[in-house]
Amino acid sequence: MNCKIFMNFPYELSMDILNEELNLQGRESMLEIVAPLFEMTQKIAKPKAIYFKAEITDKHEKSVTVDNEIFESQLFGGTVEKGDMVFPYIVTVGTELDDYAKTLTDAMDQFMIDEMMNLLVNIGKVFVANEVQKEAGWEKTQDYVPGNGEEWSTEEQTRLFYMFGDDTKKIGVSLGEHAFVLPGRSTIGILSQKKQAF
């Protein structure tokens, strides 16, 4: 498996961005809570990402085969055809920030760091999509997140995760209870080409 691995993908965060994205509305009390969390995030955060190129090797009415791994998903099947190139990916905030978040005991601190980690994951998803667009020569990508809007078995989530092989260890992610990707602020999905509607 030839995975592209990013051990600390570039991201831009500032108090102005957090004020807007977290809907703080310039409230001084909220900014005072976020400021030290942001400072620590800048020091320790090393968000990571991984992806690889795969192929839709078969497709049926209720299933899609990615590199000979079968996934039952009509939602995903509606975006791809046999022979299409796709890119499974994982984005994570990294163990560094996740470990720090676990040390926080104040409820508001916990809420704010959680929102900041969600923001980092979303930034990572955009970063990976841009990297894939450049590599594949696509204008736009379609992001399929397993289980989002459909039933998705833990067996299939596990199957998708293990398609990355031992490279998951390099970015510090693992599978937890109910096949959730850990650290908790991580996401797994498959990018395909967003095709023009005629």
C-alpha atoms as a PDB file:
ATOM      1  CA  MET A   1       0.000   0.000   0.000  1.00  0.00           C
ATOM      2  CA  ASN A   2       1.551   3.283  -1.139  1.00  0.00           C
ATOM      3  CA  CYS A   3       0.134   5.785   1.348  1.00  0.00           C
ATOM      4  CA  LYS A   4       0.784   9.503   1.359  1.00  0.00           C
ATOM      5  CA  ILE A   5       1.399  10.516   4.972  1.00  0.00           C
ATOM      6  CA  PHE A   6       1.390  14.025   6.413  1.00  0.00           C
ATOM      7  CA  MET A   7       2.794  14.100   9.941  1.00  0.00           C
ATOM      8  CA  ASN A   8       1.891  17.740  10.598  1.00  0.00           C
ATOM      9  CA  PHE A   9      -0.264  19.142   7.812  1.00  0.00           C
ATOM     10  CA  PRO A  10      -0.233  22.934   7.462  1.00  0.00           C
ATOM     11  CA  TYR A  11      -3.093  24.836   9.018  1.00  0.00           C
ATOM     12  CA  GLU A  12      -3.898  28.441   9.774  1.00  0.00           C
ATOM     13  CA  LEU A  13      -5.536  29.402  13.034  1.00  0.00           C
ATOM     14  CA  SER A  14      -5.759  32.744  14.805  1.00  0.00           C
ATOM     15  CA  MET A  15      -7.914  34.282  17.476  1.00  0.00           C
ATOM     16  CA  ASP A  16      -9.802  36.133  14.727  1.00  0.00           C
ATOM     17  CA  ILE A  17     -10.536  32.857  12.941  1.00  0.00           C
ATOM     18  CA  LEU A  18     -11.606  31.182  16.187  1.00  0.00           C
ATOM     19  CA  ASN A  19     -13.824  34.150  17.069  1.00  0.00           C
ATOM     20  CA  GLU A  20     -15.635  33.686  13.775  1.00  0.00           C
ATOM     21  CA  GLU A  21     -15.645  29.902  13.450  1.00  0.00           C
ATOM     22  CA  LEU A  22     -16.632  29.251  17.080  1.00  0.00           C
ATOM     23  CA  ASN A  23     -19.235  32.030  16.965  1.00  0.00           C
ATOM     24  CA  LEU A  24     -17.740  33.838  19.967  1.00  0.00           C
ATOM     25  CA  GLN A  25     -19.070  37.187  18.677  1.00  0.00           C
ATOM     26  CA  GLY A  26     -16.150  39.042  20.226  1.00  0.00           C
ATOM     27  CA  ARG A  27     -17.344  38.360  23.774  1.00  0.00           C
ATOM     28  CA  GLU A  28     -14.440  39.069  26.081  1.00  0.00           C
ATOM     29  CA  SER A  29     -15.392  36.323  28.539  1.00  0.00           C
ATOM     30  CA  MET A  30     -15.303  33.709  25.757  1.00  0.00           C
ATOM     31  CA  LEU A  31     -12.090  35.045  24.239  1.00  0.00           C
ATOM     32  CA  GLU A  32     -10.398  34.851  27.653  1.00  0.00           C
ATOM     33  CA  ILE A  33     -11.301  31.158  27.839  1.00  0.00           C
ATOM     34  CA  VAL A  34     -10.148  30.382  24.304  1.00  0.00           C
ATOM     35  CA  ALA A  35      -6.873  32.374  24.343  1.00  0.00           C
ATOM     36  CA  PRO A  36      -4.810  30.009  26.595  1.00  0.00           C
ATOM     37  CA  LEU A  37      -6.261  26.961  24.835  1.00  0.00           C
ATOM     38  CA  PHE A  38      -5.280  28.441  21.490  1.00  0.00           C
ATOM     39  CA  GLU A  39      -1.784  29.226  22.778  1.00  0.00           C
ATOM     40  CA  MET A  40      -1.308  25.629  23.902  1.00  0.00           C
ATOM     41  CA  THR A  41      -2.731  24.318  20.639  1.00  0.00           C
ATOM     42  CA  GLN A  42      -0.192  26.357  18.690  1.00  0.00           C
ATOM     43  CA  LYS A  43       2.604  24.823  20.767  1.00  0.00           C
ATOM     44  CA  ILE A  44       1.669  21.153  20.712  1.00  0.00           C
ATOM     45  CA  ALA A  45      -0.808  20.385  17.915  1.00  0.00           C
ATOM     46  CA  LYS A  46       0.502  18.120  15.161  1.00  0.00           C
ATOM     47  CA  PRO A  47      -2.575  17.185  13.122  1.00  0.00           C
ATOM     48  CA  LYS A  48      -1.969  14.326  10.721  1.00  0.00           C
ATOM     49  CA  ALA A  49      -3.452  12.855   7.559  1.00  0.00           C
ATOM     50  CA  ILE A  50      -3.036   9.830   5.359  1.00  0.00           C
ATOM     51  CA  TYR A  51      -4.502   8.744   2.035  1.00  0.00           C
ATOM     52  CA  PHE A  52      -3.882   6.323  -0.799  1.00  0.00           C
ATOM     53  CA  LYS A  53      -5.070   5.782  -4.353  1.00  0.00           C
ATOM     54  CA  ALA A  54      -7.470   2.912  -4.994  1.00  0.00           C
ATOM     55  CA  GLU A  55      -9.801   1.733  -7.738  1.00  0.00           C
ATOM     56  CA  ILE A  56     -13.457   0.777  -7.959  1.00  0.00           C
ATOM     57  CA  THR A  57     -12.918  -2.790  -9.133  1.00  0.00           C
ATOM     58  CA  ASP A  58     -16.601  -3.762  -9.163  1.00  0.00           C
ATOM     59  CA  LYS A  59     -20.032  -2.298  -8.561  1.00  0.00           C
ATOM     60  CA  HIS A  60     -23.489  -3.761  -8.059  1.00  0.00           C
ATOM     61  CA  GLU A  61     -26.850  -2.365  -7.059  1.00  0.00           C
ATOM     62  CA  LYS A  62     -26.148  -2.533  -3.334  1.00  0.00           C
ATOM     63  CA  SER A  63     -22.372  -2.811  -3.117  1.00  0.00           C
ATOM     64  CA  VAL A  64     -19.142  -1.212  -4.245  1.00  0.00           C
ATOM     65  CA  THR A  65     -15.755  -2.945  -4.399  1.00  0.00           C
ATOM     66  CA  VAL A  66     -12.671  -0.860  -3.634  1.00  0.00           C
ATOM     67  CA  ASP A  67      -9.406  -2.656  -4.429  1.00  0.00           C
ATOM     68  CA  ASN A  68     -11.273  -5.981  -4.020  1.00  0.00           C
ATOM     69  CA  GLU A  69     -12.783  -4.988  -0.644  1.00  0.00           C
ATOM     70  CA  ILE A  70     -16.590  -5.053  -0.783  1.00  0.00           C
ATOM     71  CA  PHE A  71     -18.645  -2.313   0.882  1.00  0.00           C
ATOM     72  CA  GLU A  72     -22.426  -2.316   1.003  1.00  0.00           C
ATOM     73  CA  SER A  73     -23.317   1.299   0.355  1.00  0.00           C
ATOM     74  CA  GLN A  74     -25.883   2.551  -2.105  1.00  0.00           C
ATOM     75  CA  LEU A  75     -24.935   6.118  -1.130  1.00  0.00           C
ATOM     76  CA  PHE A  76     -21.286   5.622  -2.105  1.00  0.00           C
ATOM     77  CA  GLY A  77     -22.330   3.611  -5.142  1.00  0.00           C
ATOM     78  CA  GLY A  78     -24.308   6.561  -6.406  1.00  0.00           C
ATOM     79  CA  THR A  79     -21.109   8.613  -6.815  1.00  0.00           C
ATOM     80  CA  VAL A  80     -18.760   6.136  -8.519  1.00  0.00           C
ATOM     81  CA  GLU A  81     -18.543   3.699 -11.414  1.00  0.00           C
ATOM     82  CA  LYS A  82     -16.422   0.613 -12.038  1.00  0.00           C
ATOM     83  CA  GLY A  83     -12.912   1.645 -13.028  1.00  0.00           C
ATOM     84  CA  ASP A  84     -13.056   4.986 -11.187  1.00  0.00           C
ATOM     85  CA  MET A  85     -10.117   6.096  -9.082  1.00  0.00           C
ATOM     86  CA  VAL A  86     -10.856   6.904  -5.421  1.00  0.00           C
ATOM     87  CA  PHE A  87      -8.809   7.967  -2.411  1.00  0.00           C
ATOM     88  CA  PRO A  88      -9.529   6.525   1.056  1.00  0.00           C
ATOM     89  CA  TYR A  89      -8.250   8.900   3.765  1.00  0.00           C
ATOM     90  CA  ILE A  90      -7.939   9.472   7.508  1.00  0.00           C
ATOM     91  CA  VAL A  91      -7.527  12.857   9.195  1.00  0.00           C
ATOM     92  CA  THR A  92      -6.735  13.181  12.908  1.00  0.00           C
ATOM     93  CA  VAL A  93      -5.959  15.976  15.370  1.00  0.00           C
ATOM     94  CA  GLY A  94      -3.106  13.779  16.575  1.00  0.00           C
ATOM     95  CA  THR A  95      -2.397  12.235  19.943  1.00  0.00           C
ATOM     96  CA  GLU A  96      -0.535  15.338  21.148  1.00  0.00           C
ATOM     97  CA  LEU A  97      -3.599  17.605  21.244  1.00  0.00           C
ATOM     98  CA  ASP A  98      -5.934  14.774  22.219  1.00  0.00           C
ATOM     99  CA  ASP A  99      -3.781  13.929  25.244  1.00  0.00           C
ATOM    100  CA  TYR A 100      -3.781  17.586  26.307  1.00  0.00           C
ATOM    101  CA  ALA A 101      -7.567  17.821  25.935  1.00  0.00           C
ATOM    102  CA  LYS A 102      -7.963  14.870  28.309  1.00  0.00           C
ATOM    103  CA  THR A 103      -6.175  16.805  31.061  1.00  0.00           C
ATOM    104  CA  LEU A 104      -8.761  19.610  31.060  1.00  0.00           C
ATOM    105  CA  THR A 105     -11.335  19.460  33.850  1.00  0.00           C
ATOM    106  CA  ASP A 106     -13.338  22.655  33.329  1.00  0.00           C
ATOM    107  CA  ALA A 107     -16.503  22.023  31.300  1.00  0.00           C
ATOM    108  CA  MET A 108     -16.153  25.192  29.220  1.00  0.00           C
ATOM    109  CA  ASP A 109     -12.479  24.461  28.504  1.00  0.00           C
ATOM    110  CA  GLN A 110     -13.449  20.972  27.396  1.00  0.00           C
ATOM    111  CA  PHE A 111     -16.181  22.309  25.125  1.00  0.00           C
ATOM    112  CA  MET A 112     -13.916  24.903  23.508  1.00  0.00           C
ATOM    113  CA  ILE A 113     -10.984  22.557  22.904  1.00  0.00           C
ATOM    114  CA  ASP A 114     -13.424  20.064  21.422  1.00  0.00           C
ATOM    115  CA  GLU A 115     -14.685  22.717  19.002  1.00  0.00           C
ATOM    116  CA  MET A 116     -11.112  23.666  18.119  1.00  0.00           C
ATOM    117  CA  MET A 117     -10.234  20.034  17.420  1.00  0.00           C
ATOM    118  CA  ASN A 118     -13.307  19.681  15.207  1.00  0.00           C
ATOM    119  CA  LEU A 119     -12.134  22.747  13.315  1.00  0.00           C
ATOM    120  CA  LEU A 120      -8.662  21.236  12.832  1.00  0.00           C
ATOM    121  CA  VAL A 121     -10.165  18.024  11.457  1.00  0.00           C
ATOM    122  CA  ASN A 122     -12.279  20.000   9.001  1.00  0.00           C
ATOM    123  CA  ILE A 123      -9.194  21.974   7.924  1.00  0.00           C
ATOM    124  CA  GLY A 124      -7.437  18.637   7.424  1.00  0.00           C
ATOM    125  CA  LYS A 125     -10.252  17.311   5.267  1.00  0.00           C
ATOM    126  CA  VAL A 126      -9.955  20.374   3.012  1.00  0.00           C
ATOM    127  CA  PHE A 127      -6.173  19.936   2.886  1.00  0.00           C
ATOM    128  CA  VAL A 128      -6.471  16.282   1.824  1.00  0.00           C
ATOM    129  CA  ALA A 129      -9.138  17.114  -0.764  1.00  0.00           C
ATOM    130  CA  ASN A 130      -6.833  19.755  -2.261  1.00  0.00           C
ATOM    131  CA  GLU A 131      -3.905  17.318  -2.347  1.00  0.00           C
ATOM    132  CA  VAL A 132      -6.069  14.696  -4.062  1.00  0.00           C
ATOM    133  CA  GLN A 133      -7.370  17.226  -6.594  1.00  0.00           C
ATOM    134  CA  LYS A 134      -3.798  18.127  -7.528  1.00  0.00           C
ATOM    135  CA  GLU A 135      -2.690  14.489  -7.764  1.00  0.00           C
ATOM    136  CA  ALA A 136      -5.700  13.264  -9.719  1.00  0.00           C
ATOM    137  CA  GLY A 137      -6.246  16.393 -11.808  1.00  0.00           C
ATOM    138  CA  TRP A 138      -9.808  16.749 -10.590  1.00  0.00           C
ATOM    139  CA  GLU A 139     -11.658  20.045 -10.363  1.00  0.00           C
ATOM    140  CA  LYS A 140     -13.773  18.924  -7.393  1.00  0.00           C
ATOM    141  CA  THR A 141     -14.007  15.996  -5.014  1.00  0.00           C
ATOM    142  CA  GLN A 142     -16.948  14.117  -3.539  1.00  0.00           C
ATOM    143  CA  ASP A 143     -16.441  13.226   0.125  1.00  0.00           C
ATOM    144  CA  TYR A 144     -18.016   9.960   1.266  1.00  0.00           C
ATOM    145  CA  VAL A 145     -18.003   9.543   5.037  1.00  0.00           C
ATOM    146  CA  PRO A 146     -19.131   6.017   6.000  1.00  0.00           C
ATOM    147  CA  GLY A 147     -22.249   5.943   8.125  1.00  0.00           C
ATOM    148  CA  ASN A 148     -23.181   9.551   7.432  1.00  0.00           C
ATOM    149  CA  GLY A 149     -26.827   9.311   6.376  1.00  0.00           C
ATOM    150  CA  GLU A 150     -26.899   5.529   6.044  1.00  0.00           C
ATOM    151  CA  GLU A 151     -26.426   2.340   7.992  1.00  0.00           C
ATOM    152  CA  TRP A 152     -22.809   1.242   8.142  1.00  0.00           C
ATOM    153  CA  SER A 153     -21.639  -1.899   9.904  1.00  0.00           C
ATOM    154  CA  THR A 154     -18.670  -1.953  12.231  1.00  0.00           C
ATOM    155  CA  GLU A 155     -17.260  -4.776  10.093  1.00  0.00           C
ATOM    156  CA  GLU A 156     -17.121  -2.500   7.057  1.00  0.00           C
ATOM    157  CA  GLN A 157     -15.626   0.361   9.056  1.00  0.00           C
ATOM    158  CA  THR A 158     -12.969  -2.056  10.292  1.00  0.00           C
ATOM    159  CA  ARG A 159     -12.338  -3.302   6.750  1.00  0.00           C
ATOM    160  CA  LEU A 160     -11.851   0.255   5.468  1.00  0.00           C
ATOM    161  CA  PHE A 161      -9.510   1.121   8.339  1.00  0.00           C
ATOM    162  CA  TYR A 162      -7.298  -1.907   7.803  1.00  0.00           C
ATOM    163  CA  MET A 163      -6.915  -1.115   4.108  1.00  0.00           C
ATOM    164  CA  PHE A 164      -4.320   1.430   5.311  1.00  0.00           C
ATOM    165  CA  GLY A 165      -2.210  -1.375   6.785  1.00  0.00           C
ATOM    166  CA  ASP A 166       0.403  -0.585   9.414  1.00  0.00           C
ATOM    167  CA  ASP A 167       0.672   3.011   8.196  1.00  0.00           C
ATOM    168  CA  THR A 168      -2.131   3.946  10.612  1.00  0.00           C
ATOM    169  CA  LYS A 169       0.376   3.485  13.438  1.00  0.00           C
ATOM    170  CA  LYS A 170       2.599   6.181  11.920  1.00  0.00           C
ATOM    171  CA  ILE A 171      -0.093   8.830  12.486  1.00  0.00           C
ATOM    172  CA  GLY A 172      -1.138   7.393  15.846  1.00  0.00           C
ATOM    173  CA  VAL A 173      -4.664   6.259  14.985  1.00  0.00           C
ATOM    174  CA  SER A 174      -6.351   3.031  16.006  1.00  0.00           C
ATOM    175  CA  LEU A 175      -9.793   1.460  16.171  1.00  0.00           C
ATOM    176  CA  GLY A 176     -11.726   1.710  19.405  1.00  0.00           C
ATOM    177  CA  GLU A 177     -15.085   0.434  20.590  1.00  0.00           C
ATOM    178  CA  HIS A 178     -17.705   0.116  17.840  1.00  0.00           C
ATOM    179  CA  ALA A 179     -14.921   0.633  15.270  1.00  0.00           C
ATOM    180  CA  PHE A 180     -14.572   4.352  15.990  1.00  0.00           C
ATOM    181  CA  VAL A 181     -11.267   5.814  14.846  1.00  0.00           C
ATOM    182  CA  LEU A 182      -9.159   7.057  17.770  1.00  0.00           C
ATOM    183  CA  PRO A 183      -8.159   9.713  18.821  1.00  0.00           C
ATOM    184  CA  GLY A 184     -11.781  10.748  19.058  1.00  0.00           C
ATOM    185  CA  ARG A 185     -11.337  13.784  16.836  1.00  0.00           C
ATOM    186  CA  SER A 186     -10.461  11.798  13.726  1.00  0.00           C
ATOM    187  CA  THR A 187     -12.392  10.985  10.594  1.00  0.00           C
ATOM    188  CA  ILE A 188     -12.182   8.334   7.895  1.00  0.00           C
ATOM    189  CA  GLY A 189     -13.670   8.518   4.436  1.00  0.00           C
ATOM    190  CA  ILE A 190     -13.264   8.080   0.696  1.00  0.00           C
ATOM    191  CA  LEU A 191     -12.807  10.866  -1.823  1.00  0.00           C
ATOM    192  CA  SER A 192     -14.035  10.430  -5.380  1.00  0.00           C
ATOM    193  CA  GLN A 193     -14.311  12.772  -8.322  1.00  0.00           C
ATOM    194  CA  LYS A 194     -17.338  15.039  -8.233  1.00  0.00           C
ATOM    195  CA  LYS A 195     -18.799  14.665 -11.672  1.00  0.00           C
ATOM    196  CA  GLN A 196     -20.580  17.342 -13.632  1.00  0.00           C
ATOM    197  CA  ALA A 197     -24.369  17.098 -13.729  1.00  0.00           C
ATOM    198  CA  PHE A 198     -25.788  17.271 -17.239  1.00  0.00           C
END
